[in-house]
PDB file of N, CA and C in Angstrom:
ATOM      1  N   UNK A   1       7.644 -10.013  10.922  1.00  0.00           N
ATOM      2  CA  UNK A   1       6.976  -8.947  11.730  1.00  0.00           C
ATOM      3  C   UNK A   1       6.524  -7.723  10.785  1.00  0.00           C
ATOM      4  N   UNK A   2       5.422  -7.334  10.912  1.00  0.00           N
ATOM      5  CA  UNK A   2       4.914  -6.116  10.365  1.00  0.00           C
ATOM      6  C   UNK A   2       5.455  -4.895  10.961  1.00  0.00           C
ATOM      7  N   UNK A   3       5.347  -3.891  10.079  1.00  0.00           N
ATOM      8  CA  UNK A   3       5.441  -2.578  10.643  1.00  0.00           C
ATOM      9  C   UNK A   3       4.089  -1.894  10.800  1.00  0.00           C
ATOM     10  N   UNK A   4       3.637  -1.499  11.875  1.00  0.00           N
ATOM     11  CA  UNK A   4       2.478  -0.445  11.928  1.00  0.00           C
ATOM     12  C   UNK A   4       2.755   1.000  12.118  1.00  0.00           C
ATOM     13  N   UNK A   5       1.670   1.676  11.835  1.00  0.00           N
ATOM     14  CA  UNK A   5       1.956   3.157  11.889  1.00  0.00           C
ATOM     15  C   UNK A   5       2.685   3.524  13.008  1.00  0.00           C
ATOM     16  N   UNK A   6       2.144   3.215  14.319  1.00  0.00           N
ATOM     17  CA  UNK A   6       2.918   3.701  15.517  1.00  0.00           C
ATOM     18  C   UNK A   6       4.319   3.389  15.493  1.00  0.00           C
ATOM     19  N   UNK A   7       4.935   2.237  14.912  1.00  0.00           N
ATOM     20  CA  UNK A   7       6.329   1.928  15.085  1.00  0.00           C
ATOM     21  C   UNK A   7       7.006   2.913  13.939  1.00  0.00           C
ATOM     22  N   UNK A   8       6.359   2.947  12.887  1.00  0.00           N
ATOM     23  CA  UNK A   8       6.888   4.129  11.908  1.00  0.00           C
ATOM     24  C   UNK A   8       7.261   5.223  12.459  1.00  0.00           C
ATOM     25  N   UNK A   9       6.219   5.989  13.156  1.00  0.00           N
ATOM     26  CA  UNK A   9       6.267   7.194  13.577  1.00  0.00           C
ATOM     27  C   UNK A   9       7.475   7.255  14.976  1.00  0.00           C
ATOM     28  N   UNK A  10       7.557   6.074  15.594  1.00  0.00           N
ATOM     29  CA  UNK A  10       8.590   6.179  16.484  1.00  0.00           C
ATOM     30  C   UNK A  10       9.998   6.242  16.039  1.00  0.00           C
ATOM     31  N   UNK A  11      10.012   5.416  14.997  1.00  0.00           N
ATOM     32  CA  UNK A  11      11.297   5.280  14.127  1.00  0.00           C
ATOM     33  C   UNK A  11      11.585   6.720  13.656  1.00  0.00           C
ATOM     34  N   UNK A  12      10.605   7.341  12.982  1.00  0.00           N
ATOM     35  CA  UNK A  12      10.925   8.673  12.243  1.00  0.00           C
ATOM     36  C   UNK A  12      11.352   9.542  13.470  1.00  0.00           C
ATOM     37  N   UNK A  13      10.787   9.456  14.536  1.00  0.00           N
ATOM     38  CA  UNK A  13      11.051  10.583  15.667  1.00  0.00           C
ATOM     39  C   UNK A  13      12.244  10.366  16.345  1.00  0.00           C
ATOM     40  N   UNK A  14      12.807   8.953  16.061  1.00  0.00           N
ATOM     41  CA  UNK A  14      14.069   8.804  16.653  1.00  0.00           C
ATOM     42  C   UNK A  14      15.220   9.357  15.644  1.00  0.00           C
ATOM     43  N   UNK A  15      14.987   9.154  14.314  1.00  0.00           N
ATOM     44  CA  UNK A  15      15.860   9.368  13.332  1.00  0.00           C
ATOM     45  C   UNK A  15      15.809  10.945  12.967  1.00  0.00           C
ATOM     46  N   UNK A  16      14.777  11.584  13.337  1.00  0.00           N
ATOM     47  CA  UNK A  16      14.583  13.118  13.236  1.00  0.00           C
ATOM     48  C   UNK A  16      14.301  13.607  14.400  1.00  0.00           C
ATOM     49  N   UNK A  17      15.119  13.858  15.532  1.00  0.00           N
ATOM     50  CA  UNK A  17      14.592  14.393  16.628  1.00  0.00           C
ATOM     51  C   UNK A  17      14.345  16.109  16.583  1.00  0.00           C
ATOM     52  N   UNK A  18      14.649  16.570  15.733  1.00  0.00           N
ATOM     53  CA  UNK A  18      14.261  18.088  15.544  1.00  0.00           C
ATOM     54  C   UNK A  18      12.835  18.328  15.122  1.00  0.00           C
ATOM     55  N   UNK A  19      12.008  17.133  14.713  1.00  0.00           N
ATOM     56  CA  UNK A  19      10.838  17.519  14.392  1.00  0.00           C
ATOM     57  C   UNK A  19       9.858  16.886  15.339  1.00  0.00           C
ATOM     58  N   UNK A  20       8.776  17.619  15.744  1.00  0.00           N
ATOM     59  CA  UNK A  20       7.700  17.390  16.916  1.00  0.00           C
ATOM     60  C   UNK A  20       6.989  16.026  16.023  1.00  0.00           C
ATOM     61  N   UNK A  21       6.666  15.212  17.159  1.00  0.00           N
ATOM     62  CA  UNK A  21       6.054  14.036  17.021  1.00  0.00           C
ATOM     63  C   UNK A  21       4.675  14.085  16.261  1.00  0.00           C
ATOM     64  N   UNK A  22       3.967  15.040  16.616  1.00  0.00           N
ATOM     65  CA  UNK A  22       2.474  15.432  15.982  1.00  0.00           C
ATOM     66  C   UNK A  22       2.748  16.031  14.571  1.00  0.00           C
ATOM     67  N   UNK A  23       4.009  16.526  14.319  1.00  0.00           N
ATOM     68  CA  UNK A  23       4.318  17.015  12.924  1.00  0.00           C
ATOM     69  C   UNK A  23       4.442  15.737  11.968  1.00  0.00           C
ATOM     70  N   UNK A  24       5.236  15.039  12.599  1.00  0.00           N
ATOM     71  CA  UNK A  24       5.652  13.736  11.710  1.00  0.00           C
ATOM     72  C   UNK A  24       4.368  12.858  11.608  1.00  0.00           C
ATOM     73  N   UNK A  25       3.382  12.725  12.599  1.00  0.00           N
ATOM     74  CA  UNK A  25       2.288  12.223  12.458  1.00  0.00           C
ATOM     75  C   UNK A  25       1.223  12.702  11.510  1.00  0.00           C
ATOM     76  N   UNK A  26       1.360  14.125  11.339  1.00  0.00           N
ATOM     77  CA  UNK A  26       0.464  14.702  10.443  1.00  0.00           C
ATOM     78  C   UNK A  26       1.030  14.641   9.003  1.00  0.00           C
ATOM     79  N   UNK A  27       2.250  14.435   8.738  1.00  0.00           N
ATOM     80  CA  UNK A  27       2.960  14.416   7.652  1.00  0.00           C
ATOM     81  C   UNK A  27       2.619  13.010   7.116  1.00  0.00           C
ATOM     82  N   UNK A  28       2.625  12.017   7.744  1.00  0.00           N
ATOM     83  CA  UNK A  28       2.523  10.667   7.270  1.00  0.00           C
ATOM     84  C   UNK A  28       1.050  10.418   6.979  1.00  0.00           C
ATOM     85  N   UNK A  29       0.017  10.983   7.849  1.00  0.00           N
ATOM     86  CA  UNK A  29      -1.235  10.972   7.568  1.00  0.00           C
ATOM     87  C   UNK A  29      -1.588  11.526   5.955  1.00  0.00           C
ATOM     88  N   UNK A  30      -0.770  12.978   5.753  1.00  0.00           N
ATOM     89  CA  UNK A  30      -1.025  13.396   4.459  1.00  0.00           C
ATOM     90  C   UNK A  30      -0.628  12.773   3.360  1.00  0.00           C
ATOM     91  N   UNK A  31       0.577  11.986   3.477  1.00  0.00           N
ATOM     92  CA  UNK A  31       1.005  11.108   2.602  1.00  0.00           C
ATOM     93  C   UNK A  31       0.160  10.032   2.406  1.00  0.00           C
ATOM     94  N   UNK A  32      -0.315   9.249   3.325  1.00  0.00           N
ATOM     95  CA  UNK A  32      -1.163   8.178   3.089  1.00  0.00           C
ATOM     96  C   UNK A  32      -2.656   8.371   2.433  1.00  0.00           C
ATOM     97  N   UNK A  33      -2.816   9.572   2.918  1.00  0.00           N
ATOM     98  CA  UNK A  33      -4.431  10.141   2.333  1.00  0.00           C
ATOM     99  C   UNK A  33      -4.154  10.499   0.933  1.00  0.00           C
ATOM    100  N   UNK A  34      -3.078  11.064   0.466  1.00  0.00           N
ATOM    101  CA  UNK A  34      -3.025  11.420  -0.952  1.00  0.00           C
ATOM    102  C   UNK A  34      -2.871   9.999  -1.784  1.00  0.00           C
ATOM    103  N   UNK A  35      -2.176   8.979  -1.299  1.00  0.00           N
ATOM    104  CA  UNK A  35      -1.945   7.706  -1.964  1.00  0.00           C
ATOM    105  C   UNK A  35      -3.451   7.340  -2.099  1.00  0.00           C
ATOM    106  N   UNK A  36      -4.151   7.031  -1.078  1.00  0.00           N
ATOM    107  CA  UNK A  36      -5.551   6.666  -0.959  1.00  0.00           C
ATOM    108  C   UNK A  36      -6.494   7.298  -2.075  1.00  0.00           C
ATOM    109  N   UNK A  37      -6.307   8.493  -1.976  1.00  0.00           N
ATOM    110  CA  UNK A  37      -7.176   9.557  -2.966  1.00  0.00           C
ATOM    111  C   UNK A  37      -6.684   9.423  -4.441  1.00  0.00           C
ATOM    112  N   UNK A  38      -5.449   9.276  -4.738  1.00  0.00           N
ATOM    113  CA  UNK A  38      -5.045   8.878  -6.049  1.00  0.00           C
ATOM    114  C   UNK A  38      -5.372   7.545  -6.490  1.00  0.00           C
ATOM    115  N   UNK A  39      -5.373   6.624  -5.803  1.00  0.00           N
ATOM    116  CA  UNK A  39      -5.803   5.331  -6.274  1.00  0.00           C
ATOM    117  C   UNK A  39      -7.156   5.258  -6.283  1.00  0.00           C
ATOM    118  N   UNK A  40      -7.871   6.058  -5.618  1.00  0.00           N
ATOM    119  CA  UNK A  40      -9.459   6.092  -5.809  1.00  0.00           C
ATOM    120  C   UNK A  40      -9.912   6.654  -6.991  1.00  0.00           C
ATOM    121  N   UNK A  41      -8.883   7.552  -7.413  1.00  0.00           N
ATOM    122  CA  UNK A  41      -9.339   8.211  -8.704  1.00  0.00           C
ATOM    123  C   UNK A  41      -8.835   7.399  -9.981  1.00  0.00           C
ATOM    124  N   UNK A  42      -8.354   6.123  -9.612  1.00  0.00           N
ATOM    125  CA  UNK A  42      -7.868   5.300 -10.791  1.00  0.00           C
ATOM    126  C   UNK A  42      -6.292   5.515 -11.269  1.00  0.00           C
ATOM    127  N   UNK A  43      -5.759   6.508 -10.739  1.00  0.00           N
ATOM    128  CA  UNK A  43      -4.226   6.805 -11.015  1.00  0.00           C
ATOM    129  C   UNK A  43      -3.438   6.071 -10.368  1.00  0.00           C
ATOM    130  N   UNK A  44      -2.070   5.984 -10.900  1.00  0.00           N
ATOM    131  CA  UNK A  44      -0.992   5.341 -10.138  1.00  0.00           C
ATOM    132  C   UNK A  44      -0.196   6.105  -9.378  1.00  0.00           C
ATOM    133  N   UNK A  45       0.643   5.533  -8.417  1.00  0.00           N
ATOM    134  CA  UNK A  45       1.214   6.166  -7.501  1.00  0.00           C
ATOM    135  C   UNK A  45       2.593   5.561  -7.558  1.00  0.00           C
ATOM    136  N   UNK A  46       3.569   6.572  -8.019  1.00  0.00           N
ATOM    137  CA  UNK A  46       4.952   5.951  -8.308  1.00  0.00           C
ATOM    138  C   UNK A  46       5.950   6.573  -7.036  1.00  0.00           C
ATOM    139  N   UNK A  47       6.506   5.702  -6.307  1.00  0.00           N
ATOM    140  CA  UNK A  47       7.374   6.228  -5.405  1.00  0.00           C
ATOM    141  C   UNK A  47       8.783   5.773  -5.790  1.00  0.00           C
ATOM    142  N   UNK A  48       9.840   6.537  -6.349  1.00  0.00           N
ATOM    143  CA  UNK A  48      10.954   6.087  -6.813  1.00  0.00           C
ATOM    144  C   UNK A  48      11.666   5.455  -5.996  1.00  0.00           C
ATOM    145  N   UNK A  49      12.473   4.232  -6.270  1.00  0.00           N
ATOM    146  CA  UNK A  49      13.178   3.562  -5.441  1.00  0.00           C
ATOM    147  C   UNK A  49      12.489   2.529  -4.510  1.00  0.00           C
ATOM    148  N   UNK A  50      11.282   2.694  -4.507  1.00  0.00           N
ATOM    149  CA  UNK A  50      10.356   1.970  -3.750  1.00  0.00           C
ATOM    150  C   UNK A  50       9.366   0.996  -4.507  1.00  0.00           C
ATOM    151  N   UNK A  51       8.430   1.575  -5.310  1.00  0.00           N
ATOM    152  CA  UNK A  51       7.683   0.962  -6.144  1.00  0.00           C
ATOM    153  C   UNK A  51       6.455   1.583  -6.701  1.00  0.00           C
ATOM    154  N   UNK A  52       5.635   1.009  -7.537  1.00  0.00           N
ATOM    155  CA  UNK A  52       4.438   1.601  -7.964  1.00  0.00           C
ATOM    156  C   UNK A  52       3.118   0.904  -7.708  1.00  0.00           C
ATOM    157  N   UNK A  53       2.270   1.776  -7.069  1.00  0.00           N
ATOM    158  CA  UNK A  53       0.841   1.052  -6.700  1.00  0.00           C
ATOM    159  C   UNK A  53      -0.145   1.465  -7.836  1.00  0.00           C
ATOM    160  N   UNK A  54      -0.819   0.571  -8.419  1.00  0.00           N
ATOM    161  CA  UNK A  54      -1.935   0.938  -9.212  1.00  0.00           C
ATOM    162  C   UNK A  54      -3.213   0.054  -8.899  1.00  0.00           C
ATOM    163  N   UNK A  55      -4.274   0.312  -9.507  1.00  0.00           N
ATOM    164  CA  UNK A  55      -5.472  -0.465  -9.246  1.00  0.00           C
ATOM    165  C   UNK A  55      -5.814  -1.249 -10.607  1.00  0.00           C
ATOM    166  N   UNK A  56      -6.336  -2.309 -10.222  1.00  0.00           N
ATOM    167  CA  UNK A  56      -6.880  -3.171 -11.400  1.00  0.00           C
ATOM    168  C   UNK A  56      -8.296  -3.594 -10.830  1.00  0.00           C
ATOM    169  N   UNK A  57      -9.077  -3.837 -12.110  1.00  0.00           N
ATOM    170  CA  UNK A  57     -10.564  -4.208 -11.911  1.00  0.00           C
ATOM    171  C   UNK A  57     -10.646  -5.590 -12.105  1.00  0.00           C
ATOM    172  N   UNK A  58     -11.348  -6.291 -11.041  1.00  0.00           N
ATOM    173  CA  UNK A  58     -11.559  -7.831 -11.081  1.00  0.00           C
ATOM    174  C   UNK A  58     -12.999  -7.709 -11.489  1.00  0.00           C
ATOM    175  N   UNK A  59     -13.206  -8.403 -12.673  1.00  0.00           N
ATOM    176  CA  UNK A  59     -14.490  -8.665 -13.426  1.00  0.00           C
ATOM    177  C   UNK A  59     -15.526  -9.394 -12.489  1.00  0.00           C
ATOM    178  N   UNK A  60     -16.840  -9.198 -12.732  1.00  0.00           N
ATOM    179  CA  UNK A  60     -17.585  -9.609 -11.815  1.00  0.00           C
ATOM    180  C   UNK A  60     -17.778 -11.159 -12.039  1.00  0.00           C
ATOM    181  N   UNK A  61     -18.126 -12.045 -11.375  1.00  0.00           N
ATOM    182  CA  UNK A  61     -18.070 -13.386 -11.588  1.00  0.00           C
ATOM    183  C   UNK A  61     -19.007 -14.275 -10.579  1.00  0.00           C
ATOM    184  N   UNK A  62     -19.186 -15.496 -11.285  1.00  0.00           N
ATOM    185  CA  UNK A  62     -19.888 -16.420 -10.348  1.00  0.00           C
ATOM    186  C   UNK A  62     -18.722 -17.280  -9.397  1.00  0.00           C
ATOM    187  N   UNK A  63     -18.774 -17.379  -8.158  1.00  0.00           N
ATOM    188  CA  UNK A  63     -17.806 -18.011  -7.381  1.00  0.00           C
ATOM    189  C   UNK A  63     -18.580 -18.921  -6.658  1.00  0.00           C
ATOM    190  N   UNK A  64     -17.801 -19.777  -5.838  1.00  0.00           N
ATOM    191  CA  UNK A  64     -18.465 -20.973  -4.989  1.00  0.00           C
ATOM    192  C   UNK A  64     -18.235 -20.762  -3.499  1.00  0.00           C
ATOM    193  N   UNK A  65     -19.073 -20.810  -2.716  1.00  0.00           N
ATOM    194  CA  UNK A  65     -18.913 -20.867  -1.369  1.00  0.00           C
ATOM    195  C   UNK A  65     -18.258 -22.290  -1.043  1.00  0.00           C
ATOM    196  N   UNK A  66     -16.869 -22.237  -0.570  1.00  0.00           N
ATOM    197  CA  UNK A  66     -16.268 -23.477  -0.324  1.00  0.00           C
ATOM    198  C   UNK A  66     -16.923 -24.613   0.927  1.00  0.00           C
ATOM    199  N   UNK A  67     -17.529 -23.906   1.518  1.00  0.00           N
ATOM    200  CA  UNK A  67     -18.371 -24.568   2.840  1.00  0.00           C
ATOM    201  C   UNK A  67     -19.418 -25.180   2.332  1.00  0.00           C
ATOM    202  N   UNK A  68     -20.341 -24.687   1.580  1.00  0.00           N
ATOM    203  CA  UNK A  68     -21.494 -25.272   1.122  1.00  0.00           C
ATOM    204  C   UNK A  68     -21.596 -25.723  -0.217  1.00  0.00           C
ATOM    205  N   UNK A  69     -20.655 -25.117  -1.017  1.00  0.00           N
ATOM    206  CA  UNK A  69     -20.573 -25.525  -2.501  1.00  0.00           C
ATOM    207  C   UNK A  69     -21.636 -24.735  -3.292  1.00  0.00           C
ATOM    208  N   UNK A  70     -22.226 -23.861  -2.575  1.00  0.00           N
ATOM    209  CA  UNK A  70     -23.312 -22.986  -3.197  1.00  0.00           C
ATOM    210  C   UNK A  70     -22.625 -22.025  -4.226  1.00  0.00           C
ATOM    211  N   UNK A  71     -23.328 -21.721  -5.343  1.00  0.00           N
ATOM    212  CA  UNK A  71     -22.707 -20.612  -6.315  1.00  0.00           C
ATOM    213  C   UNK A  71     -23.156 -19.247  -5.724  1.00  0.00           C
ATOM    214  N   UNK A  72     -22.438 -18.294  -5.816  1.00  0.00           N
ATOM    215  CA  UNK A  72     -22.532 -16.694  -5.130  1.00  0.00           C
ATOM    216  C   UNK A  72     -21.998 -15.937  -6.162  1.00  0.00           C
ATOM    217  N   UNK A  73     -22.894 -14.770  -6.695  1.00  0.00           N
ATOM    218  CA  UNK A  73     -22.266 -13.784  -7.697  1.00  0.00           C
ATOM    219  C   UNK A  73     -21.410 -12.638  -6.890  1.00  0.00           C
ATOM    220  N   UNK A  74     -20.224 -12.879  -7.452  1.00  0.00           N
ATOM    221  CA  UNK A  74     -19.173 -11.731  -6.836  1.00  0.00           C
ATOM    222  C   UNK A  74     -19.280 -10.560  -7.738  1.00  0.00           C
ATOM    223  N   UNK A  75     -19.491  -9.395  -7.204  1.00  0.00           N
ATOM    224  CA  UNK A  75     -19.397  -8.274  -8.098  1.00  0.00           C
ATOM    225  C   UNK A  75     -18.239  -7.739  -8.548  1.00  0.00           C
ATOM    226  N   UNK A  76     -18.139  -6.714  -9.355  1.00  0.00           N
ATOM    227  CA  UNK A  76     -16.934  -6.212 -10.004  1.00  0.00           C
ATOM    228  C   UNK A  76     -16.228  -5.443  -8.712  1.00  0.00           C
ATOM    229  N   UNK A  77     -14.950  -5.385  -8.652  1.00  0.00           N
ATOM    230  CA  UNK A  77     -14.221  -4.871  -7.490  1.00  0.00           C
ATOM    231  C   UNK A  77     -12.911  -4.270  -7.944  1.00  0.00           C
ATOM    232  N   UNK A  78     -12.331  -3.389  -7.404  1.00  0.00           N
ATOM    233  CA  UNK A  78     -11.085  -3.060  -7.706  1.00  0.00           C
ATOM    234  C   UNK A  78     -10.042  -3.493  -6.652  1.00  0.00           C
ATOM    235  N   UNK A  79      -8.782  -3.778  -7.068  1.00  0.00           N
ATOM    236  CA  UNK A  79      -7.897  -4.139  -6.300  1.00  0.00           C
ATOM    237  C   UNK A  79      -6.530  -3.448  -6.376  1.00  0.00           C
ATOM    238  N   UNK A  80      -5.737  -3.503  -5.536  1.00  0.00           N
ATOM    239  CA  UNK A  80      -4.427  -2.653  -5.532  1.00  0.00           C
ATOM    240  C   UNK A  80      -3.294  -3.630  -5.920  1.00  0.00           C
ATOM    241  N   UNK A  81      -2.552  -3.147  -7.029  1.00  0.00           N
ATOM    242  CA  UNK A  81      -1.479  -4.009  -7.637  1.00  0.00           C
ATOM    243  C   UNK A  81      -0.149  -3.039  -7.231  1.00  0.00           C
ATOM    244  N   UNK A  82       0.837  -3.889  -6.731  1.00  0.00           N
ATOM    245  CA  UNK A  82       2.170  -3.195  -6.253  1.00  0.00           C
ATOM    246  C   UNK A  82       3.237  -3.924  -7.167  1.00  0.00           C
ATOM    247  N   UNK A  83       4.006  -3.221  -7.566  1.00  0.00           N
ATOM    248  CA  UNK A  83       5.238  -3.666  -8.405  1.00  0.00           C
ATOM    249  C   UNK A  83       6.191  -2.911  -7.944  1.00  0.00           C
ATOM    250  N   UNK A  84       7.322  -3.435  -7.133  1.00  0.00           N
ATOM    251  CA  UNK A  84       8.383  -3.039  -6.452  1.00  0.00           C
ATOM    252  C   UNK A  84       9.477  -2.550  -7.561  1.00  0.00           C
ATOM    253  N   UNK A  85      10.301  -1.392  -7.141  1.00  0.00           N
ATOM    254  CA  UNK A  85      11.122  -1.004  -7.920  1.00  0.00           C
ATOM    255  C   UNK A  85      12.593  -1.856  -7.899  1.00  0.00           C
ATOM    256  N   UNK A  86      13.438  -1.729  -8.897  1.00  0.00           N
ATOM    257  CA  UNK A  86      14.538  -2.586  -9.230  1.00  0.00           C
ATOM    258  C   UNK A  86      15.533  -2.469  -7.711  1.00  0.00           C
ATOM    259  N   UNK A  87      15.673  -1.068  -7.365  1.00  0.00           N
ATOM    260  CA  UNK A  87      16.634  -0.795  -6.237  1.00  0.00           C
ATOM    261  C   UNK A  87      15.720  -1.527  -4.997  1.00  0.00           C
ATOM    262  N   UNK A  88      14.697  -1.743  -4.790  1.00  0.00           N
ATOM    263  CA  UNK A  88      14.220  -2.432  -3.473  1.00  0.00           C
ATOM    264  C   UNK A  88      14.308  -3.865  -3.808  1.00  0.00           C
ATOM    265  N   UNK A  89      14.062  -4.353  -4.983  1.00  0.00           N
ATOM    266  CA  UNK A  89      14.262  -5.684  -5.217  1.00  0.00           C
ATOM    267  C   UNK A  89      15.746  -6.211  -4.963  1.00  0.00           C
ATOM    268  N   UNK A  90      16.779  -5.361  -5.570  1.00  0.00           N
ATOM    269  CA  UNK A  90      18.134  -5.784  -5.158  1.00  0.00           C
ATOM    270  C   UNK A  90      18.473  -5.622  -3.661  1.00  0.00           C
ATOM    271  N   UNK A  91      17.891  -4.697  -3.019  1.00  0.00           N
ATOM    272  CA  UNK A  91      18.387  -4.809  -1.703  1.00  0.00           C
ATOM    273  C   UNK A  91      17.709  -5.973  -0.792  1.00  0.00           C
ATOM    274  N   UNK A  92      16.489  -6.218  -1.297  1.00  0.00           N
ATOM    275  CA  UNK A  92      15.950  -7.450  -0.772  1.00  0.00           C
ATOM    276  C   UNK A  92      16.567  -8.733  -0.901  1.00  0.00           C
ATOM    277  N   UNK A  93      17.250  -8.834  -2.248  1.00  0.00           N
ATOM    278  CA  UNK A  93      18.049 -10.132  -2.488  1.00  0.00           C
ATOM    279  C   UNK A  93      19.498  -9.814  -2.404  1.00  0.00           C
ATOM    280  N   UNK A  94      19.776  -8.934  -1.754  1.00  0.00           N
ATOM    281  CA  UNK A  94      21.293  -8.756  -1.296  1.00  0.00           C
ATOM    282  C   UNK A  94      22.163  -8.690  -2.525  1.00  0.00           C
ATOM    283  N   UNK A  95      21.527  -8.034  -3.520  1.00  0.00           N
ATOM    284  CA  UNK A  95      22.368  -7.828  -4.921  1.00  0.00           C
ATOM    285  C   UNK A  95      23.183  -6.458  -4.740  1.00  0.00           C
ATOM    286  N   UNK A  96      23.979  -6.292  -5.589  1.00  0.00           N
ATOM    287  CA  UNK A  96      24.637  -4.629  -5.631  1.00  0.00           C
ATOM    288  C   UNK A  96      24.016  -4.035  -6.960  1.00  0.00           C
TER     289      UNK A  96
END
């Protein structure tokens, strides 16, 4: 089951009842916006204990439409690469 922004905000408001819900929403919006801006500039985002987000460039290529078999030109594009931190890896795999 995926966590969506509304569930994240609900969990934050339960864990931090002293903060207003609108302030928590603004805070998460600022964080997510800054992550997007940084990735758009081609820089990496490192969240200690969680992981690293970076961008990679996929070269332009000739691909094939699987339905028709027709060759299609796919332009160069950027993708997001995520590498998890060792701490997160250990928690996911129940290691100490």
